[in-house]
Structures are given as C-alpha cells and as structure tokens.
Amino acid sequence: MTQANLHLPKLVEDQLASLAAAEGVSVDEFVSQAVQEKVRQFTTMRMLQARAAGVTRTDFDAALAKIPDAAPIPGDELPEGWTGLKK
C-alpha cells in the first residue's frame, strides 16, 4: 500500500476522527475507503461520459421507442399529481 501525508484543517481532522470512530474503523481505514469510493465515482462518471459522447438525441429516442407501453410495476408509479419535470 502507498503511504500519503495529508494536511487538513483541525476542524476536518476532528470530524474525520469522530466519523471513523462512529464507523468503528481507524482514521486510515476511513480515509482509504473514502478515497476508493471517490475514485470509483470518477471512474464511473468518465466511463459513462465516454459512452454517451457518440450518442445523439435520435439514438436516445430510438432506444426509448423500444420500451413497451405498459403499466409500471407496483411501487414504481409516479406520485399522484406529478405533471413532469420542472424547467
């Protein structure tokens, strides 16, 4: 494993220690998990952006047109009174 030194404001350091304790892990483990999570988020976002880069609105509409017009499964309905996305 690689070792890294962090320079954190005292308030952040205190919050970090408190959060790690609440999770029952060391500060090192908490930071390691947080960094791994953030790296996965960025990796996923970049992969999705790369996949979406070559897609046009026409492609998107064609994909949506393949979805059958059926009632949603129970629990997946839109809220009553929902009128669409706000712009």
PDB file of N, CA and C in Angstrom:
ATOM      1  N   MET A   1       0.837  -1.179   0.000  1.00  0.00           N
ATOM      2  CA  MET A   1       0.000   0.000   0.000  1.00  0.00           C
ATOM      3  C   MET A   1       0.881   1.241   0.000  1.00  0.00           C
ATOM      4  N   THR A   2       0.379   2.303  -0.589  1.00  0.00           N
ATOM      5  CA  THR A   2       1.099   3.562  -0.627  1.00  0.00           C
ATOM      6  C   THR A   2       0.752   4.392   0.601  1.00  0.00           C
ATOM      7  N   GLN A   3       1.721   5.125   1.071  1.00  0.00           N
ATOM      8  CA  GLN A   3       1.503   5.998   2.219  1.00  0.00           C
ATOM      9  C   GLN A   3       1.443   7.433   1.721  1.00  0.00           C
ATOM     10  N   ALA A   4       0.525   8.226   2.279  1.00  0.00           N
ATOM     11  CA  ALA A   4       0.377   9.625   1.886  1.00  0.00           C
ATOM     12  C   ALA A   4       0.206  10.474   3.134  1.00  0.00           C
ATOM     13  N   ASN A   5       0.768  11.657   3.093  1.00  0.00           N
ATOM     14  CA  ASN A   5       0.582  12.614   4.185  1.00  0.00           C
ATOM     15  C   ASN A   5      -0.501  13.604   3.787  1.00  0.00           C
ATOM     16  N   LEU A   6      -1.403  13.881   4.703  1.00  0.00           N
ATOM     17  CA  LEU A   6      -2.484  14.831   4.449  1.00  0.00           C
ATOM     18  C   LEU A   6      -2.331  16.032   5.356  1.00  0.00           C
ATOM     19  N   HIS A   7      -2.632  17.185   4.811  1.00  0.00           N
ATOM     20  CA  HIS A   7      -2.674  18.420   5.596  1.00  0.00           C
ATOM     21  C   HIS A   7      -4.136  18.849   5.630  1.00  0.00           C
ATOM     22  N   LEU A   8      -4.746  18.713   6.796  1.00  0.00           N
ATOM     23  CA  LEU A   8      -6.163  19.012   6.957  1.00  0.00           C
ATOM     24  C   LEU A   8      -6.361  20.097   7.999  1.00  0.00           C
ATOM     25  N   PRO A   9      -7.385  20.929   7.788  1.00  0.00           N
ATOM     26  CA  PRO A   9      -7.736  21.866   8.846  1.00  0.00           C
ATOM     27  C   PRO A   9      -8.119  21.087  10.112  1.00  0.00           C
ATOM     28  N   LYS A  10      -7.863  21.656  11.261  1.00  0.00           N
ATOM     29  CA  LYS A  10      -8.125  20.996  12.543  1.00  0.00           C
ATOM     30  C   LYS A  10      -9.575  20.539  12.650  1.00  0.00           C
ATOM     31  N   LEU A  11     -10.504  21.375  12.206  1.00  0.00           N
ATOM     32  CA  LEU A  11     -11.919  21.014  12.275  1.00  0.00           C
ATOM     33  C   LEU A  11     -12.196  19.754  11.456  1.00  0.00           C
ATOM     34  N   VAL A  12     -11.642  19.674  10.265  1.00  0.00           N
ATOM     35  CA  VAL A  12     -11.840  18.491   9.412  1.00  0.00           C
ATOM     36  C   VAL A  12     -11.192  17.267  10.057  1.00  0.00           C
ATOM     37  N   GLU A  13     -10.016  17.441  10.618  1.00  0.00           N
ATOM     38  CA  GLU A  13      -9.336  16.337  11.295  1.00  0.00           C
ATOM     39  C   GLU A  13     -10.194  15.803  12.448  1.00  0.00           C
ATOM     40  N   ASP A  14     -10.773  16.711  13.219  1.00  0.00           N
ATOM     41  CA  ASP A  14     -11.626  16.304  14.334  1.00  0.00           C
ATOM     42  C   ASP A  14     -12.879  15.575  13.835  1.00  0.00           C
ATOM     43  N   GLN A  15     -13.478  16.105  12.785  1.00  0.00           N
ATOM     44  CA  GLN A  15     -14.671  15.463  12.224  1.00  0.00           C
ATOM     45  C   GLN A  15     -14.321  14.081  11.669  1.00  0.00           C
ATOM     46  N   LEU A  16     -13.183  13.989  11.011  1.00  0.00           N
ATOM     47  CA  LEU A  16     -12.720  12.723  10.454  1.00  0.00           C
ATOM     48  C   LEU A  16     -12.542  11.689  11.559  1.00  0.00           C
ATOM     49  N   ALA A  17     -11.906  12.066  12.635  1.00  0.00           N
ATOM     50  CA  ALA A  17     -11.697  11.150  13.759  1.00  0.00           C
ATOM     51  C   ALA A  17     -13.031  10.705  14.349  1.00  0.00           C
ATOM     52  N   SER A  18     -13.948  11.632  14.474  1.00  0.00           N
ATOM     53  CA  SER A  18     -15.262  11.316  15.032  1.00  0.00           C
ATOM     54  C   SER A  18     -16.031  10.357  14.121  1.00  0.00           C
ATOM     55  N   LEU A  19     -16.008  10.623  12.827  1.00  0.00           N
ATOM     56  CA  LEU A  19     -16.711   9.760  11.875  1.00  0.00           C
ATOM     57  C   LEU A  19     -16.105   8.358  11.842  1.00  0.00           C
ATOM     58  N   ALA A  20     -14.780   8.286  11.848  1.00  0.00           N
ATOM     59  CA  ALA A  20     -14.111   6.981  11.838  1.00  0.00           C
ATOM     60  C   ALA A  20     -14.472   6.193  13.089  1.00  0.00           C
ATOM     61  N   ALA A  21     -14.466   6.860  14.224  1.00  0.00           N
ATOM     62  CA  ALA A  21     -14.816   6.186  15.480  1.00  0.00           C
ATOM     63  C   ALA A  21     -16.255   5.682  15.435  1.00  0.00           C
ATOM     64  N   ALA A  22     -17.148   6.498  14.906  1.00  0.00           N
ATOM     65  CA  ALA A  22     -18.554   6.106  14.822  1.00  0.00           C
ATOM     66  C   ALA A  22     -18.739   4.893  13.908  1.00  0.00           C
ATOM     67  N   GLU A  23     -17.879   4.765  12.910  1.00  0.00           N
ATOM     68  CA  GLU A  23     -17.939   3.626  11.993  1.00  0.00           C
ATOM     69  C   GLU A  23     -17.159   2.428  12.514  1.00  0.00           C
ATOM     70  N   GLY A  24     -16.424   2.635  13.600  1.00  0.00           N
ATOM     71  CA  GLY A  24     -15.669   1.536  14.196  1.00  0.00           C
ATOM     72  C   GLY A  24     -14.423   1.156  13.415  1.00  0.00           C
ATOM     73  N   VAL A  25     -13.843   2.141  12.702  1.00  0.00           N
ATOM     74  CA  VAL A  25     -12.624   1.886  11.931  1.00  0.00           C
ATOM     75  C   VAL A  25     -11.587   2.943  12.283  1.00  0.00           C
ATOM     76  N   SER A  26     -10.348   2.678  11.901  1.00  0.00           N
ATOM     77  CA  SER A  26      -9.299   3.669  12.123  1.00  0.00           C
ATOM     78  C   SER A  26      -9.464   4.824  11.140  1.00  0.00           C
ATOM     79  N   VAL A  27      -8.833   5.939  11.458  1.00  0.00           N
ATOM     80  CA  VAL A  27      -8.855   7.085  10.549  1.00  0.00           C
ATOM     81  C   VAL A  27      -8.251   6.681   9.208  1.00  0.00           C
ATOM     82  N   ASP A  28      -7.144   5.922   9.240  1.00  0.00           N
ATOM     83  CA  ASP A  28      -6.512   5.477   7.997  1.00  0.00           C
ATOM     84  C   ASP A  28      -7.488   4.665   7.143  1.00  0.00           C
ATOM     85  N   GLU A  29      -8.197   3.740   7.776  1.00  0.00           N
ATOM     86  CA  GLU A  29      -9.144   2.903   7.042  1.00  0.00           C
ATOM     87  C   GLU A  29     -10.296   3.742   6.498  1.00  0.00           C
ATOM     88  N   PHE A  30     -10.780   4.685   7.290  1.00  0.00           N
ATOM     89  CA  PHE A  30     -11.877   5.550   6.864  1.00  0.00           C
ATOM     90  C   PHE A  30     -11.466   6.366   5.642  1.00  0.00           C
ATOM     91  N   VAL A  31     -10.278   6.962   5.702  1.00  0.00           N
ATOM     92  CA  VAL A  31      -9.777   7.768   4.584  1.00  0.00           C
ATOM     93  C   VAL A  31      -9.559   6.883   3.362  1.00  0.00           C
ATOM     94  N   SER A  32      -8.991   5.702   3.555  1.00  0.00           N
ATOM     95  CA  SER A  32      -8.763   4.782   2.440  1.00  0.00           C
ATOM     96  C   SER A  32     -10.076   4.422   1.746  1.00  0.00           C
ATOM     97  N   GLN A  33     -11.087   4.104   2.532  1.00  0.00           N
ATOM     98  CA  GLN A  33     -12.392   3.767   1.956  1.00  0.00           C
ATOM     99  C   GLN A  33     -13.005   4.959   1.231  1.00  0.00           C
ATOM    100  N   ALA A  34     -12.884   6.155   1.803  1.00  0.00           N
ATOM    101  CA  ALA A  34     -13.444   7.353   1.190  1.00  0.00           C
ATOM    102  C   ALA A  34     -12.753   7.662  -0.138  1.00  0.00           C
ATOM    103  N   VAL A  35     -11.447   7.526  -0.176  1.00  0.00           N
ATOM    104  CA  VAL A  35     -10.704   7.788  -1.406  1.00  0.00           C
ATOM    105  C   VAL A  35     -11.066   6.748  -2.465  1.00  0.00           C
ATOM    106  N   GLN A  36     -11.152   5.479  -2.059  1.00  0.00           N
ATOM    107  CA  GLN A  36     -11.538   4.435  -3.012  1.00  0.00           C
ATOM    108  C   GLN A  36     -12.919   4.713  -3.600  1.00  0.00           C
ATOM    109  N   GLU A  37     -13.848   5.134  -2.752  1.00  0.00           N
ATOM    110  CA  GLU A  37     -15.202   5.449  -3.215  1.00  0.00           C
ATOM    111  C   GLU A  37     -15.180   6.592  -4.219  1.00  0.00           C
ATOM    112  N   LYS A  38     -14.416   7.626  -3.921  1.00  0.00           N
ATOM    113  CA  LYS A  38     -14.351   8.784  -4.814  1.00  0.00           C
ATOM    114  C   LYS A  38     -13.710   8.411  -6.143  1.00  0.00           C
ATOM    115  N   VAL A  39     -12.668   7.589  -6.114  1.00  0.00           N
ATOM    116  CA  VAL A  39     -12.020   7.139  -7.347  1.00  0.00           C
ATOM    117  C   VAL A  39     -13.018   6.344  -8.199  1.00  0.00           C
ATOM    118  N   ARG A  40     -13.801   5.468  -7.564  1.00  0.00           N
ATOM    119  CA  ARG A  40     -14.821   4.710  -8.305  1.00  0.00           C
ATOM    120  C   ARG A  40     -15.848   5.646  -8.925  1.00  0.00           C
ATOM    121  N   GLN A  41     -16.253   6.688  -8.194  1.00  0.00           N
ATOM    122  CA  GLN A  41     -17.228   7.639  -8.735  1.00  0.00           C
ATOM    123  C   GLN A  41     -16.686   8.325  -9.982  1.00  0.00           C
ATOM    124  N   PHE A  42     -15.464   8.818  -9.902  1.00  0.00           N
ATOM    125  CA  PHE A  42     -14.868   9.497 -11.053  1.00  0.00           C
ATOM    126  C   PHE A  42     -14.682   8.540 -12.225  1.00  0.00           C
ATOM    127  N   THR A  43     -14.237   7.316 -11.933  1.00  0.00           N
ATOM    128  CA  THR A  43     -14.036   6.324 -12.988  1.00  0.00           C
ATOM    129  C   THR A  43     -15.351   6.007 -13.691  1.00  0.00           C
ATOM    130  N   THR A  44     -16.407   5.810 -12.905  1.00  0.00           N
ATOM    131  CA  THR A  44     -17.719   5.524 -13.476  1.00  0.00           C
ATOM    132  C   THR A  44     -18.224   6.699 -14.297  1.00  0.00           C
ATOM    133  N   MET A  45     -18.079   7.910 -13.779  1.00  0.00           N
ATOM    134  CA  MET A  45     -18.550   9.089 -14.498  1.00  0.00           C
ATOM    135  C   MET A  45     -17.827   9.237 -15.833  1.00  0.00           C
ATOM    136  N   ARG A  46     -16.532   9.048 -15.819  1.00  0.00           N
ATOM    137  CA  ARG A  46     -15.765   9.164 -17.071  1.00  0.00           C
ATOM    138  C   ARG A  46     -16.171   8.089 -18.071  1.00  0.00           C
ATOM    139  N   MET A  47     -16.425   6.865 -17.595  1.00  0.00           N
ATOM    140  CA  MET A  47     -16.853   5.795 -18.481  1.00  0.00           C
ATOM    141  C   MET A  47     -18.211   6.119 -19.089  1.00  0.00           C
ATOM    142  N   LEU A  48     -19.143   6.611 -18.273  1.00  0.00           N
ATOM    143  CA  LEU A  48     -20.468   6.971 -18.782  1.00  0.00           C
ATOM    144  C   LEU A  48     -20.392   8.134 -19.764  1.00  0.00           C
ATOM    145  N   GLN A  49     -19.550   9.121 -19.482  1.00  0.00           N
ATOM    146  CA  GLN A  49     -19.388  10.243 -20.405  1.00  0.00           C
ATOM    147  C   GLN A  49     -18.811   9.781 -21.736  1.00  0.00           C
ATOM    148  N   ALA A  50     -17.852   8.864 -21.691  1.00  0.00           N
ATOM    149  CA  ALA A  50     -17.257   8.352 -22.927  1.00  0.00           C
ATOM    150  C   ALA A  50     -18.294   7.578 -23.740  1.00  0.00           C
ATOM    151  N   ARG A  51     -19.107   6.778 -23.060  1.00  0.00           N
ATOM    152  CA  ARG A  51     -20.139   6.010 -23.766  1.00  0.00           C
ATOM    153  C   ARG A  51     -21.204   6.927 -24.344  1.00  0.00           C
ATOM    154  N   ALA A  52     -21.517   8.016 -23.656  1.00  0.00           N
ATOM    155  CA  ALA A  52     -22.569   8.927 -24.110  1.00  0.00           C
ATOM    156  C   ALA A  52     -22.084   9.881 -25.192  1.00  0.00           C
ATOM    157  N   ALA A  53     -20.777  10.023 -25.324  1.00  0.00           N
ATOM    158  CA  ALA A  53     -20.229  11.019 -26.248  1.00  0.00           C
ATOM    159  C   ALA A  53     -20.693  10.815 -27.685  1.00  0.00           C
ATOM    160  N   GLY A  54     -20.859   9.586 -28.121  1.00  0.00           N
ATOM    161  CA  GLY A  54     -21.242   9.341 -29.510  1.00  0.00           C
ATOM    162  C   GLY A  54     -22.727   9.144 -29.734  1.00  0.00           C
ATOM    163  N   VAL A  55     -23.525   9.372 -28.703  1.00  0.00           N
ATOM    164  CA  VAL A  55     -24.960   9.135 -28.803  1.00  0.00           C
ATOM    165  C   VAL A  55     -25.682  10.442 -29.128  1.00  0.00           C
ATOM    166  N   THR A  56     -26.592  10.363 -30.092  1.00  0.00           N
ATOM    167  CA  THR A  56     -27.384  11.536 -30.461  1.00  0.00           C
ATOM    168  C   THR A  56     -28.775  11.454 -29.839  1.00  0.00           C
ATOM    169  N   ARG A  57     -29.496  12.520 -29.911  1.00  0.00           N
ATOM    170  CA  ARG A  57     -30.875  12.533 -29.415  1.00  0.00           C
ATOM    171  C   ARG A  57     -31.715  11.524 -30.198  1.00  0.00           C
ATOM    172  N   THR A  58     -31.434  11.387 -31.489  1.00  0.00           N
ATOM    173  CA  THR A  58     -32.151  10.414 -32.317  1.00  0.00           C
ATOM    174  C   THR A  58     -31.896   8.995 -31.806  1.00  0.00           C
ATOM    175  N   ASP A  59     -30.643   8.694 -31.455  1.00  0.00           N
ATOM    176  CA  ASP A  59     -30.311   7.383 -30.883  1.00  0.00           C
ATOM    177  C   ASP A  59     -31.079   7.153 -29.587  1.00  0.00           C
ATOM    178  N   PHE A  60     -31.113   8.186 -28.744  1.00  0.00           N
ATOM    179  CA  PHE A  60     -31.801   8.106 -27.459  1.00  0.00           C
ATOM    180  C   PHE A  60     -33.294   7.847 -27.672  1.00  0.00           C
ATOM    181  N   ASP A  61     -33.905   8.619 -28.576  1.00  0.00           N
ATOM    182  CA  ASP A  61     -35.338   8.450 -28.856  1.00  0.00           C
ATOM    183  C   ASP A  61     -35.633   7.062 -29.428  1.00  0.00           C
ATOM    184  N   ALA A  62     -34.735   6.549 -30.271  1.00  0.00           N
ATOM    185  CA  ALA A  62     -34.918   5.206 -30.843  1.00  0.00           C
ATOM    186  C   ALA A  62     -34.871   4.143 -29.750  1.00  0.00           C
ATOM    187  N   ALA A  63     -33.965   4.304 -28.794  1.00  0.00           N
ATOM    188  CA  ALA A  63     -33.882   3.349 -27.682  1.00  0.00           C
ATOM    189  C   ALA A  63     -35.146   3.407 -26.834  1.00  0.00           C
ATOM    190  N   LEU A  64     -35.635   4.609 -26.559  1.00  0.00           N
ATOM    191  CA  LEU A  64     -36.863   4.745 -25.760  1.00  0.00           C
ATOM    192  C   LEU A  64     -38.063   4.154 -26.483  1.00  0.00           C
ATOM    193  N   ALA A  65     -38.084   4.255 -27.809  1.00  0.00           N
ATOM    194  CA  ALA A  65     -39.213   3.735 -28.591  1.00  0.00           C
ATOM    195  C   ALA A  65     -39.313   2.215 -28.485  1.00  0.00           C
ATOM    196  N   LYS A  66     -38.249   1.542 -28.125  1.00  0.00           N
ATOM    197  CA  LYS A  66     -38.249   0.082 -27.994  1.00  0.00           C
ATOM    198  C   LYS A  66     -38.884  -0.391 -26.692  1.00  0.00           C
ATOM    199  N   ILE A  67     -39.106   0.534 -25.758  1.00  0.00           N
ATOM    200  CA  ILE A  67     -39.672   0.169 -24.459  1.00  0.00           C
ATOM    201  C   ILE A  67     -41.182   0.019 -24.599  1.00  0.00           C
ATOM    202  N   PRO A  68     -41.730  -1.136 -24.223  1.00  0.00           N
ATOM    203  CA  PRO A  68     -43.180  -1.329 -24.381  1.00  0.00           C
ATOM    204  C   PRO A  68     -43.972  -0.375 -23.485  1.00  0.00           C
ATOM    205  N   ASP A  69     -45.136  -0.002 -23.973  1.00  0.00           N
ATOM    206  CA  ASP A  69     -46.032   0.875 -23.211  1.00  0.00           C
ATOM    207  C   ASP A  69     -46.824  -0.015 -22.255  1.00  0.00           C
ATOM    208  N   ALA A  70     -46.376  -0.082 -21.022  1.00  0.00           N
ATOM    209  CA  ALA A  70     -47.011  -0.949 -20.030  1.00  0.00           C
ATOM    210  C   ALA A  70     -47.110  -0.203 -18.713  1.00  0.00           C
ATOM    211  N   ALA A  71     -48.022  -0.653 -17.898  1.00  0.00           N
ATOM    212  CA  ALA A  71     -48.178  -0.050 -16.570  1.00  0.00           C
ATOM    213  C   ALA A  71     -46.920  -0.319 -15.742  1.00  0.00           C
ATOM    214  N   PRO A  72     -46.541   0.624 -14.890  1.00  0.00           N
ATOM    215  CA  PRO A  72     -45.361   0.395 -14.041  1.00  0.00           C
ATOM    216  C   PRO A  72     -45.623  -0.712 -13.029  1.00  0.00           C
ATOM    217  N   ILE A  73     -44.541  -1.330 -12.595  1.00  0.00           N
ATOM    218  CA  ILE A  73     -44.695  -2.360 -11.573  1.00  0.00           C
ATOM    219  C   ILE A  73     -45.125  -1.686 -10.265  1.00  0.00           C
ATOM    220  N   PRO A  74     -45.834  -2.406  -9.409  1.00  0.00           N
ATOM    221  CA  PRO A  74     -46.288  -1.798  -8.143  1.00  0.00           C
ATOM    222  C   PRO A  74     -45.119  -1.194  -7.360  1.00  0.00           C
ATOM    223  N   GLY A  75     -45.329   0.032  -6.913  1.00  0.00           N
ATOM    224  CA  GLY A  75     -44.311   0.745  -6.158  1.00  0.00           C
ATOM    225  C   GLY A  75     -43.428   1.630  -7.022  1.00  0.00           C
ATOM    226  N   ASP A  76     -43.560   1.497  -8.360  1.00  0.00           N
ATOM    227  CA  ASP A  76     -42.726   2.277  -9.276  1.00  0.00           C
ATOM    228  C   ASP A  76     -43.535   3.361  -9.982  1.00  0.00           C
ATOM    229  N   GLU A  77     -44.751   3.598  -9.505  1.00  0.00           N
ATOM    230  CA  GLU A  77     -45.613   4.600 -10.123  1.00  0.00           C
ATOM    231  C   GLU A  77     -45.122   6.015  -9.799  1.00  0.00           C
ATOM    232  N   LEU A  78     -45.482   6.950 -10.653  1.00  0.00           N
ATOM    233  CA  LEU A  78     -45.186   8.360 -10.377  1.00  0.00           C
ATOM    234  C   LEU A  78     -46.111   8.841  -9.264  1.00  0.00           C
ATOM    235  N   PRO A  79     -45.662   9.815  -8.494  1.00  0.00           N
ATOM    236  CA  PRO A  79     -46.534  10.338  -7.431  1.00  0.00           C
ATOM    237  C   PRO A  79     -47.815  10.938  -8.013  1.00  0.00           C
ATOM    238  N   GLU A  80     -48.885  10.807  -7.269  1.00  0.00           N
ATOM    239  CA  GLU A  80     -50.154  11.368  -7.711  1.00  0.00           C
ATOM    240  C   GLU A  80     -50.006  12.883  -7.887  1.00  0.00           C
ATOM    241  N   GLY A  81     -50.508  13.390  -9.002  1.00  0.00           N
ATOM    242  CA  GLY A  81     -50.425  14.815  -9.282  1.00  0.00           C
ATOM    243  C   GLY A  81     -49.141  15.230  -9.990  1.00  0.00           C
ATOM    244  N   TRP A  82     -48.254  14.289 -10.257  1.00  0.00           N
ATOM    245  CA  TRP A  82     -46.989  14.600 -10.931  1.00  0.00           C
ATOM    246  C   TRP A  82     -47.284  15.056 -12.345  1.00  0.00           C
ATOM    247  N   THR A  83     -46.718  16.179 -12.742  1.00  0.00           N
ATOM    248  CA  THR A  83     -47.011  16.726 -14.068  1.00  0.00           C
ATOM    249  C   THR A  83     -45.767  16.823 -14.964  1.00  0.00           C
ATOM    250  N   GLY A  84     -44.653  16.393 -14.519  1.00  0.00           N
ATOM    251  CA  GLY A  84     -43.450  16.422 -15.344  1.00  0.00           C
ATOM    252  C   GLY A  84     -42.318  17.129 -14.641  1.00  0.00           C
ATOM    253  N   LEU A  85     -41.217  17.157 -15.325  1.00  0.00           N
ATOM    254  CA  LEU A  85     -40.037  17.790 -14.763  1.00  0.00           C
ATOM    255  C   LEU A  85     -40.151  19.310 -14.825  1.00  0.00           C
ATOM    256  N   LYS A  86     -39.679  19.970 -13.808  1.00  0.00           N
ATOM    257  CA  LYS A  86     -39.680  21.431 -13.788  1.00  0.00           C
ATOM    258  C   LYS A  86     -38.466  21.930 -14.554  1.00  0.00           C
ATOM    259  N   LYS A  87     -38.652  22.985 -15.294  1.00  0.00           N
ATOM    260  CA  LYS A  87     -37.532  23.554 -16.064  1.00  0.00           C
ATOM    261  C   LYS A  87     -37.072  24.834 -15.466  1.00  0.00           C
TER     262      LYS A  87
END
